[in-house]
Amino acid sequence: MGEYMKDKKLTSRIRKVKGQVEAIEKMVEKKRGCLEILQQIKAARSALAKVATVLLSKESCCYEKERKPEQFEKIVEELVKNL
C-alpha cells in the first residue's frame, strides 16, 4: 500500500471520496431530501470507481495480476459488477 499512497492523484481522489461520504453523513443528520442524498451517493460511487481505475493502472497492480491471475480476475469481476 505504501507505493499507492505516494501517488498524489490517487490520494487526492481518495480525499474527495472521503469528503463526499462525510457530506452524505451530514445530509442524513440534517434530514435533507432523499433525492439530494441519493445524488451525493451517486457522485461518491463514481469517484470511488475512478479510484479503482487509477489503482488498476498501477504497475504493481499489473504485477499482482501476473502473480495471482485467478484471484485478480475474480476481484475485478466483482468490482465491475458492483459499479
PDB file of N, CA and C in Angstrom:
ATOM      1  N   MET A   1       0.817  -1.197   0.000  1.00  0.00           N
ATOM      2  CA  MET A   1       0.000   0.000   0.000  1.00  0.00           C
ATOM      3  C   MET A   1       0.857   1.254   0.000  1.00  0.00           C
ATOM      4  N   GLY A   2       2.069   1.191   0.509  1.00  0.00           N
ATOM      5  CA  GLY A   2       2.924   2.351   0.594  1.00  0.00           C
ATOM      6  C   GLY A   2       3.138   3.034  -0.745  1.00  0.00           C
ATOM      7  N   GLU A   3       3.370   2.264  -1.788  1.00  0.00           N
ATOM      8  CA  GLU A   3       3.602   2.830  -3.122  1.00  0.00           C
ATOM      9  C   GLU A   3       2.393   3.648  -3.582  1.00  0.00           C
ATOM     10  N   TYR A   4       1.201   3.152  -3.325  1.00  0.00           N
ATOM     11  CA  TYR A   4      -0.006   3.834  -3.772  1.00  0.00           C
ATOM     12  C   TYR A   4      -0.180   5.177  -3.072  1.00  0.00           C
ATOM     13  N   MET A   5       0.190   5.239  -1.806  1.00  0.00           N
ATOM     14  CA  MET A   5      -0.024   6.458  -1.049  1.00  0.00           C
ATOM     15  C   MET A   5       0.920   7.577  -1.482  1.00  0.00           C
ATOM     16  N   LYS A   6       1.965   7.248  -2.239  1.00  0.00           N
ATOM     17  CA  LYS A   6       2.863   8.272  -2.760  1.00  0.00           C
ATOM     18  C   LYS A   6       2.280   8.951  -3.997  1.00  0.00           C
ATOM     19  N   ASP A   7       1.251   8.382  -4.550  1.00  0.00           N
ATOM     20  CA  ASP A   7       0.627   8.893  -5.770  1.00  0.00           C
ATOM     21  C   ASP A   7      -0.364   9.996  -5.400  1.00  0.00           C
ATOM     22  N   LYS A   8      -0.013  11.223  -5.713  1.00  0.00           N
ATOM     23  CA  LYS A   8      -0.859  12.365  -5.340  1.00  0.00           C
ATOM     24  C   LYS A   8      -2.229  12.317  -6.018  1.00  0.00           C
ATOM     25  N   LYS A   9      -2.273  11.817  -7.237  1.00  0.00           N
ATOM     26  CA  LYS A   9      -3.547  11.711  -7.955  1.00  0.00           C
ATOM     27  C   LYS A   9      -4.485  10.754  -7.216  1.00  0.00           C
ATOM     28  N   LEU A  10      -3.937   9.646  -6.790  1.00  0.00           N
ATOM     29  CA  LEU A  10      -4.742   8.647  -6.090  1.00  0.00           C
ATOM     30  C   LEU A  10      -5.197   9.166  -4.729  1.00  0.00           C
ATOM     31  N   THR A  11      -4.278   9.736  -3.964  1.00  0.00           N
ATOM     32  CA  THR A  11      -4.661  10.226  -2.632  1.00  0.00           C
ATOM     33  C   THR A  11      -5.642  11.386  -2.734  1.00  0.00           C
ATOM     34  N   SER A  12      -5.510  12.199  -3.766  1.00  0.00           N
ATOM     35  CA  SER A  12      -6.456  13.299  -3.966  1.00  0.00           C
ATOM     36  C   SER A  12      -7.856  12.756  -4.229  1.00  0.00           C
ATOM     37  N   ARG A  13      -7.937  11.732  -5.041  1.00  0.00           N
ATOM     38  CA  ARG A  13      -9.241  11.118  -5.328  1.00  0.00           C
ATOM     39  C   ARG A  13      -9.840  10.489  -4.070  1.00  0.00           C
ATOM     40  N   ILE A  14      -9.001   9.864  -3.266  1.00  0.00           N
ATOM     41  CA  ILE A  14      -9.481   9.242  -2.025  1.00  0.00           C
ATOM     42  C   ILE A  14     -10.014  10.306  -1.069  1.00  0.00           C
ATOM     43  N   ARG A  15      -9.320  11.425  -0.972  1.00  0.00           N
ATOM     44  CA  ARG A  15      -9.791  12.519  -0.114  1.00  0.00           C
ATOM     45  C   ARG A  15     -11.135  13.059  -0.612  1.00  0.00           C
ATOM     46  N   LYS A  16     -11.300  13.104  -1.923  1.00  0.00           N
ATOM     47  CA  LYS A  16     -12.569  13.564  -2.496  1.00  0.00           C
ATOM     48  C   LYS A  16     -13.701  12.630  -2.075  1.00  0.00           C
ATOM     49  N   VAL A  17     -13.464  11.328  -2.164  1.00  0.00           N
ATOM     50  CA  VAL A  17     -14.477  10.355  -1.759  1.00  0.00           C
ATOM     51  C   VAL A  17     -14.784  10.514  -0.272  1.00  0.00           C
ATOM     52  N   LYS A  18     -13.744  10.664   0.516  1.00  0.00           N
ATOM     53  CA  LYS A  18     -13.924  10.840   1.967  1.00  0.00           C
ATOM     54  C   LYS A  18     -14.809  12.057   2.249  1.00  0.00           C
ATOM     55  N   GLY A  19     -14.541  13.166   1.564  1.00  0.00           N
ATOM     56  CA  GLY A  19     -15.348  14.366   1.751  1.00  0.00           C
ATOM     57  C   GLY A  19     -16.791  14.155   1.340  1.00  0.00           C
ATOM     58  N   GLN A  20     -16.988  13.419   0.263  1.00  0.00           N
ATOM     59  CA  GLN A  20     -18.351  13.148  -0.193  1.00  0.00           C
ATOM     60  C   GLN A  20     -19.108  12.277   0.805  1.00  0.00           C
ATOM     61  N   VAL A  21     -18.431  11.294   1.371  1.00  0.00           N
ATOM     62  CA  VAL A  21     -19.082  10.418   2.354  1.00  0.00           C
ATOM     63  C   VAL A  21     -19.414  11.217   3.620  1.00  0.00           C
ATOM     64  N   GLU A  22     -18.511  12.082   4.026  1.00  0.00           N
ATOM     65  CA  GLU A  22     -18.786  12.928   5.194  1.00  0.00           C
ATOM     66  C   GLU A  22     -19.968  13.852   4.912  1.00  0.00           C
ATOM     67  N   ALA A  23     -20.066  14.355   3.681  1.00  0.00           N
ATOM     68  CA  ALA A  23     -21.194  15.207   3.304  1.00  0.00           C
ATOM     69  C   ALA A  23     -22.505  14.422   3.363  1.00  0.00           C
ATOM     70  N   ILE A  24     -22.461  13.170   2.933  1.00  0.00           N
ATOM     71  CA  ILE A  24     -23.659  12.323   2.996  1.00  0.00           C
ATOM     72  C   ILE A  24     -24.098  12.162   4.447  1.00  0.00           C
ATOM     73  N   GLU A  25     -23.150  11.909   5.326  1.00  0.00           N
ATOM     74  CA  GLU A  25     -23.467  11.751   6.751  1.00  0.00           C
ATOM     75  C   GLU A  25     -24.140  13.018   7.298  1.00  0.00           C
ATOM     76  N   LYS A  26     -23.603  14.186   6.962  1.00  0.00           N
ATOM     77  CA  LYS A  26     -24.185  15.455   7.434  1.00  0.00           C
ATOM     78  C   LYS A  26     -25.576  15.671   6.856  1.00  0.00           C
ATOM     79  N   MET A  27     -25.746  15.299   5.595  1.00  0.00           N
ATOM     80  CA  MET A  27     -27.055  15.455   4.960  1.00  0.00           C
ATOM     81  C   MET A  27     -28.102  14.598   5.657  1.00  0.00           C
ATOM     82  N   VAL A  28     -27.720  13.380   6.035  1.00  0.00           N
ATOM     83  CA  VAL A  28     -28.650  12.491   6.743  1.00  0.00           C
ATOM     84  C   VAL A  28     -28.970  13.069   8.115  1.00  0.00           C
ATOM     85  N   GLU A  29     -27.930  13.544   8.809  1.00  0.00           N
ATOM     86  CA  GLU A  29     -28.141  14.133  10.142  1.00  0.00           C
ATOM     87  C   GLU A  29     -29.068  15.341  10.079  1.00  0.00           C
ATOM     88  N   LYS A  30     -28.966  16.134   9.004  1.00  0.00           N
ATOM     89  CA  LYS A  30     -29.787  17.340   8.855  1.00  0.00           C
ATOM     90  C   LYS A  30     -31.134  17.047   8.183  1.00  0.00           C
ATOM     91  N   LYS A  31     -31.376  15.759   7.931  1.00  0.00           N
ATOM     92  CA  LYS A  31     -32.631  15.299   7.319  1.00  0.00           C
ATOM     93  C   LYS A  31     -32.920  15.995   5.995  1.00  0.00           C
ATOM     94  N   ARG A  32     -31.887  16.048   5.159  1.00  0.00           N
ATOM     95  CA  ARG A  32     -32.036  16.628   3.826  1.00  0.00           C
ATOM     96  C   ARG A  32     -32.897  15.703   2.975  1.00  0.00           C
ATOM     97  N   GLY A  33     -33.291  16.176   1.826  1.00  0.00           N
ATOM     98  CA  GLY A  33     -34.170  15.406   0.950  1.00  0.00           C
ATOM     99  C   GLY A  33     -33.513  14.143   0.420  1.00  0.00           C
ATOM    100  N   CYS A  34     -34.335  13.148   0.229  1.00  0.00           N
ATOM    101  CA  CYS A  34     -33.887  11.838  -0.252  1.00  0.00           C
ATOM    102  C   CYS A  34     -33.138  11.958  -1.576  1.00  0.00           C
ATOM    103  N   LEU A  35     -33.678  12.729  -2.519  1.00  0.00           N
ATOM    104  CA  LEU A  35     -33.044  12.853  -3.831  1.00  0.00           C
ATOM    105  C   LEU A  35     -31.680  13.521  -3.745  1.00  0.00           C
ATOM    106  N   GLU A  36     -31.552  14.512  -2.870  1.00  0.00           N
ATOM    107  CA  GLU A  36     -30.250  15.167  -2.690  1.00  0.00           C
ATOM    108  C   GLU A  36     -29.210  14.176  -2.166  1.00  0.00           C
ATOM    109  N   ILE A  37     -29.626  13.385  -1.201  1.00  0.00           N
ATOM    110  CA  ILE A  37     -28.716  12.393  -0.608  1.00  0.00           C
ATOM    111  C   ILE A  37     -28.331  11.344  -1.652  1.00  0.00           C
ATOM    112  N   LEU A  38     -29.313  10.877  -2.417  1.00  0.00           N
ATOM    113  CA  LEU A  38     -29.028   9.879  -3.447  1.00  0.00           C
ATOM    114  C   LEU A  38     -28.095  10.421  -4.520  1.00  0.00           C
ATOM    115  N   GLN A  39     -28.231  11.697  -4.862  1.00  0.00           N
ATOM    116  CA  GLN A  39     -27.322  12.304  -5.830  1.00  0.00           C
ATOM    117  C   GLN A  39     -25.886  12.302  -5.294  1.00  0.00           C
ATOM    118  N   GLN A  40     -25.750  12.608  -4.017  1.00  0.00           N
ATOM    119  CA  GLN A  40     -24.414  12.627  -3.410  1.00  0.00           C
ATOM    120  C   GLN A  40     -23.839  11.214  -3.348  1.00  0.00           C
ATOM    121  N   ILE A  41     -24.669  10.230  -3.069  1.00  0.00           N
ATOM    122  CA  ILE A  41     -24.215   8.837  -3.058  1.00  0.00           C
ATOM    123  C   ILE A  41     -23.734   8.434  -4.449  1.00  0.00           C
ATOM    124  N   LYS A  42     -24.488   8.826  -5.468  1.00  0.00           N
ATOM    125  CA  LYS A  42     -24.094   8.512  -6.842  1.00  0.00           C
ATOM    126  C   LYS A  42     -22.745   9.142  -7.169  1.00  0.00           C
ATOM    127  N   ALA A  43     -22.545  10.375  -6.758  1.00  0.00           N
ATOM    128  CA  ALA A  43     -21.277  11.061  -7.010  1.00  0.00           C
ATOM    129  C   ALA A  43     -20.126  10.373  -6.276  1.00  0.00           C
ATOM    130  N   ALA A  44     -20.369   9.945  -5.047  1.00  0.00           N
ATOM    131  CA  ALA A  44     -19.330   9.260  -4.271  1.00  0.00           C
ATOM    132  C   ALA A  44     -18.973   7.918  -4.916  1.00  0.00           C
ATOM    133  N   ARG A  45     -19.962   7.202  -5.383  1.00  0.00           N
ATOM    134  CA  ARG A  45     -19.698   5.919  -6.046  1.00  0.00           C
ATOM    135  C   ARG A  45     -18.885   6.128  -7.321  1.00  0.00           C
ATOM    136  N   SER A  46     -19.222   7.162  -8.058  1.00  0.00           N
ATOM    137  CA  SER A  46     -18.488   7.467  -9.287  1.00  0.00           C
ATOM    138  C   SER A  46     -17.032   7.820  -8.968  1.00  0.00           C
ATOM    139  N   ALA A  47     -16.836   8.622  -7.947  1.00  0.00           N
ATOM    140  CA  ALA A  47     -15.476   8.994  -7.547  1.00  0.00           C
ATOM    141  C   ALA A  47     -14.693   7.775  -7.076  1.00  0.00           C
ATOM    142  N   LEU A  48     -15.347   6.860  -6.372  1.00  0.00           N
ATOM    143  CA  LEU A  48     -14.687   5.644  -5.919  1.00  0.00           C
ATOM    144  C   LEU A  48     -14.320   4.743  -7.096  1.00  0.00           C
ATOM    145  N   ALA A  49     -15.161   4.720  -8.119  1.00  0.00           N
ATOM    146  CA  ALA A  49     -14.852   3.954  -9.326  1.00  0.00           C
ATOM    147  C   ALA A  49     -13.606   4.519 -10.000  1.00  0.00           C
ATOM    148  N   LYS A  50     -13.452   5.838  -9.967  1.00  0.00           N
ATOM    149  CA  LYS A  50     -12.257   6.457 -10.545  1.00  0.00           C
ATOM    150  C   LYS A  50     -11.009   6.070  -9.754  1.00  0.00           C
ATOM    151  N   VAL A  51     -11.138   5.949  -8.437  1.00  0.00           N
ATOM    152  CA  VAL A  51     -10.018   5.489  -7.612  1.00  0.00           C
ATOM    153  C   VAL A  51      -9.618   4.084  -8.054  1.00  0.00           C
ATOM    154  N   ALA A  52     -10.593   3.223  -8.262  1.00  0.00           N
ATOM    155  CA  ALA A  52     -10.317   1.850  -8.702  1.00  0.00           C
ATOM    156  C   ALA A  52      -9.625   1.843 -10.058  1.00  0.00           C
ATOM    157  N   THR A  53     -10.051   2.714 -10.954  1.00  0.00           N
ATOM    158  CA  THR A  53      -9.440   2.796 -12.278  1.00  0.00           C
ATOM    159  C   THR A  53      -7.975   3.207 -12.185  1.00  0.00           C
ATOM    160  N   VAL A  54      -7.692   4.214 -11.370  1.00  0.00           N
ATOM    161  CA  VAL A  54      -6.303   4.658 -11.188  1.00  0.00           C
ATOM    162  C   VAL A  54      -5.480   3.528 -10.581  1.00  0.00           C
ATOM    163  N   LEU A  55      -6.028   2.862  -9.581  1.00  0.00           N
ATOM    164  CA  LEU A  55      -5.320   1.772  -8.917  1.00  0.00           C
ATOM    165  C   LEU A  55      -5.023   0.630  -9.873  1.00  0.00           C
ATOM    166  N   LEU A  56      -5.988   0.290 -10.710  1.00  0.00           N
ATOM    167  CA  LEU A  56      -5.799  -0.801 -11.671  1.00  0.00           C
ATOM    168  C   LEU A  56      -4.728  -0.487 -12.708  1.00  0.00           C
ATOM    169  N   SER A  57      -4.472   0.782 -12.939  1.00  0.00           N
ATOM    170  CA  SER A  57      -3.470   1.160 -13.931  1.00  0.00           C
ATOM    171  C   SER A  57      -2.044   1.133 -13.381  1.00  0.00           C
ATOM    172  N   LYS A  58      -1.903   0.955 -12.097  1.00  0.00           N
ATOM    173  CA  LYS A  58      -0.574   0.962 -11.477  1.00  0.00           C
ATOM    174  C   LYS A  58       0.219  -0.291 -11.848  1.00  0.00           C
ATOM    175  N   GLU A  59       1.513  -0.105 -11.981  1.00  0.00           N
ATOM    176  CA  GLU A  59       2.398  -1.204 -12.361  1.00  0.00           C
ATOM    177  C   GLU A  59       2.348  -2.350 -11.352  1.00  0.00           C
ATOM    178  N   SER A  60       2.323  -2.013 -10.058  1.00  0.00           N
ATOM    179  CA  SER A  60       2.302  -3.069  -9.045  1.00  0.00           C
ATOM    180  C   SER A  60       0.994  -3.850  -9.089  1.00  0.00           C
ATOM    181  N   CYS A  61      -0.072  -3.207  -9.500  1.00  0.00           N
ATOM    182  CA  CYS A  61      -1.340  -3.915  -9.645  1.00  0.00           C
ATOM    183  C   CYS A  61      -1.240  -4.905 -10.804  1.00  0.00           C
ATOM    184  N   CYS A  62      -0.576  -4.484 -11.864  1.00  0.00           N
ATOM    185  CA  CYS A  62      -0.360  -5.380 -13.007  1.00  0.00           C
ATOM    186  C   CYS A  62       0.517  -6.559 -12.593  1.00  0.00           C
ATOM    187  N   TYR A  63       1.482  -6.303 -11.715  1.00  0.00           N
ATOM    188  CA  TYR A  63       2.344  -7.367 -11.216  1.00  0.00           C
ATOM    189  C   TYR A  63       1.512  -8.388 -10.442  1.00  0.00           C
ATOM    190  N   GLU A  64       0.588  -7.917  -9.612  1.00  0.00           N
ATOM    191  CA  GLU A  64      -0.272  -8.830  -8.859  1.00  0.00           C
ATOM    192  C   GLU A  64      -1.128  -9.669  -9.801  1.00  0.00           C
ATOM    193  N   LYS A  65      -1.554  -9.060 -10.898  1.00  0.00           N
ATOM    194  CA  LYS A  65      -2.356  -9.783 -11.882  1.00  0.00           C
ATOM    195  C   LYS A  65      -1.564 -10.967 -12.428  1.00  0.00           C
ATOM    196  N   GLU A  66      -0.284 -10.754 -12.680  1.00  0.00           N
ATOM    197  CA  GLU A  66       0.564 -11.832 -13.201  1.00  0.00           C
ATOM    198  C   GLU A  66       0.824 -12.904 -12.146  1.00  0.00           C
ATOM    199  N   ARG A  67       0.979 -12.484 -10.899  1.00  0.00           N
ATOM    200  CA  ARG A  67       1.265 -13.443  -9.826  1.00  0.00           C
ATOM    201  C   ARG A  67       0.060 -14.280  -9.433  1.00  0.00           C
ATOM    202  N   LYS A  68      -1.112 -13.663  -9.374  1.00  0.00           N
ATOM    203  CA  LYS A  68      -2.327 -14.340  -8.912  1.00  0.00           C
ATOM    204  C   LYS A  68      -3.465 -14.079  -9.897  1.00  0.00           C
ATOM    205  N   PRO A  69      -3.372 -14.592 -11.106  1.00  0.00           N
ATOM    206  CA  PRO A  69      -4.359 -14.241 -12.145  1.00  0.00           C
ATOM    207  C   PRO A  69      -5.804 -14.611 -11.803  1.00  0.00           C
ATOM    208  N   GLU A  70      -6.027 -15.777 -11.214  1.00  0.00           N
ATOM    209  CA  GLU A  70      -7.406 -16.188 -10.920  1.00  0.00           C
ATOM    210  C   GLU A  70      -8.020 -15.285  -9.856  1.00  0.00           C
ATOM    211  N   GLN A  71      -7.259 -15.035  -8.808  1.00  0.00           N
ATOM    212  CA  GLN A  71      -7.753 -14.193  -7.726  1.00  0.00           C
ATOM    213  C   GLN A  71      -7.973 -12.761  -8.224  1.00  0.00           C
ATOM    214  N   PHE A  72      -7.057 -12.263  -9.012  1.00  0.00           N
ATOM    215  CA  PHE A  72      -7.142 -10.910  -9.539  1.00  0.00           C
ATOM    216  C   PHE A  72      -8.392 -10.751 -10.408  1.00  0.00           C
ATOM    217  N   GLU A  73      -8.611 -11.691 -11.314  1.00  0.00           N
ATOM    218  CA  GLU A  73      -9.767 -11.621 -12.198  1.00  0.00           C
ATOM    219  C   GLU A  73     -11.078 -11.681 -11.429  1.00  0.00           C
ATOM    220  N   LYS A  74     -11.123 -12.507 -10.401  1.00  0.00           N
ATOM    221  CA  LYS A  74     -12.328 -12.629  -9.587  1.00  0.00           C
ATOM    222  C   LYS A  74     -12.645 -11.303  -8.890  1.00  0.00           C
ATOM    223  N   ILE A  75     -11.629 -10.665  -8.346  1.00  0.00           N
ATOM    224  CA  ILE A  75     -11.824  -9.391  -7.656  1.00  0.00           C
ATOM    225  C   ILE A  75     -12.263  -8.306  -8.632  1.00  0.00           C
ATOM    226  N   VAL A  76     -11.642  -8.255  -9.791  1.00  0.00           N
ATOM    227  CA  VAL A  76     -12.004  -7.245 -10.792  1.00  0.00           C
ATOM    228  C   VAL A  76     -13.429  -7.473 -11.286  1.00  0.00           C
ATOM    229  N   GLU A  77     -13.814  -8.715 -11.511  1.00  0.00           N
ATOM    230  CA  GLU A  77     -15.179  -9.022 -11.934  1.00  0.00           C
ATOM    231  C   GLU A  77     -16.194  -8.554 -10.878  1.00  0.00           C
ATOM    232  N   GLU A  78     -15.905  -8.797  -9.609  1.00  0.00           N
ATOM    233  CA  GLU A  78     -16.774  -8.356  -8.527  1.00  0.00           C
ATOM    234  C   GLU A  78     -16.865  -6.839  -8.508  1.00  0.00           C
ATOM    235  N   LEU A  79     -15.730  -6.194  -8.687  1.00  0.00           N
ATOM    236  CA  LEU A  79     -15.687  -4.732  -8.694  1.00  0.00           C
ATOM    237  C   LEU A  79     -16.559  -4.172  -9.809  1.00  0.00           C
ATOM    238  N   VAL A  80     -16.396  -4.684 -10.998  1.00  0.00           N
ATOM    239  CA  VAL A  80     -17.141  -4.203 -12.157  1.00  0.00           C
ATOM    240  C   VAL A  80     -18.638  -4.482 -11.972  1.00  0.00           C
ATOM    241  N   LYS A  81     -18.960  -5.630 -11.441  1.00  0.00           N
ATOM    242  CA  LYS A  81     -20.354  -5.994 -11.235  1.00  0.00           C
ATOM    243  C   LYS A  81     -21.045  -5.030 -10.265  1.00  0.00           C
ATOM    244  N   ASN A  82     -20.294  -4.575  -9.268  1.00  0.00           N
ATOM    245  CA  ASN A  82     -20.884  -3.719  -8.247  1.00  0.00           C
ATOM    246  C   ASN A  82     -20.820  -2.230  -8.572  1.00  0.00           C
ATOM    247  N   LEU A  83     -20.183  -1.867  -9.664  1.00  0.00           N
ATOM    248  CA  LEU A  83     -20.155  -0.459 -10.054  1.00  0.00           C
ATOM    249  C   LEU A  83     -21.406  -0.170 -10.784  1.00  0.00           C
TER     250      LEU A  83
END
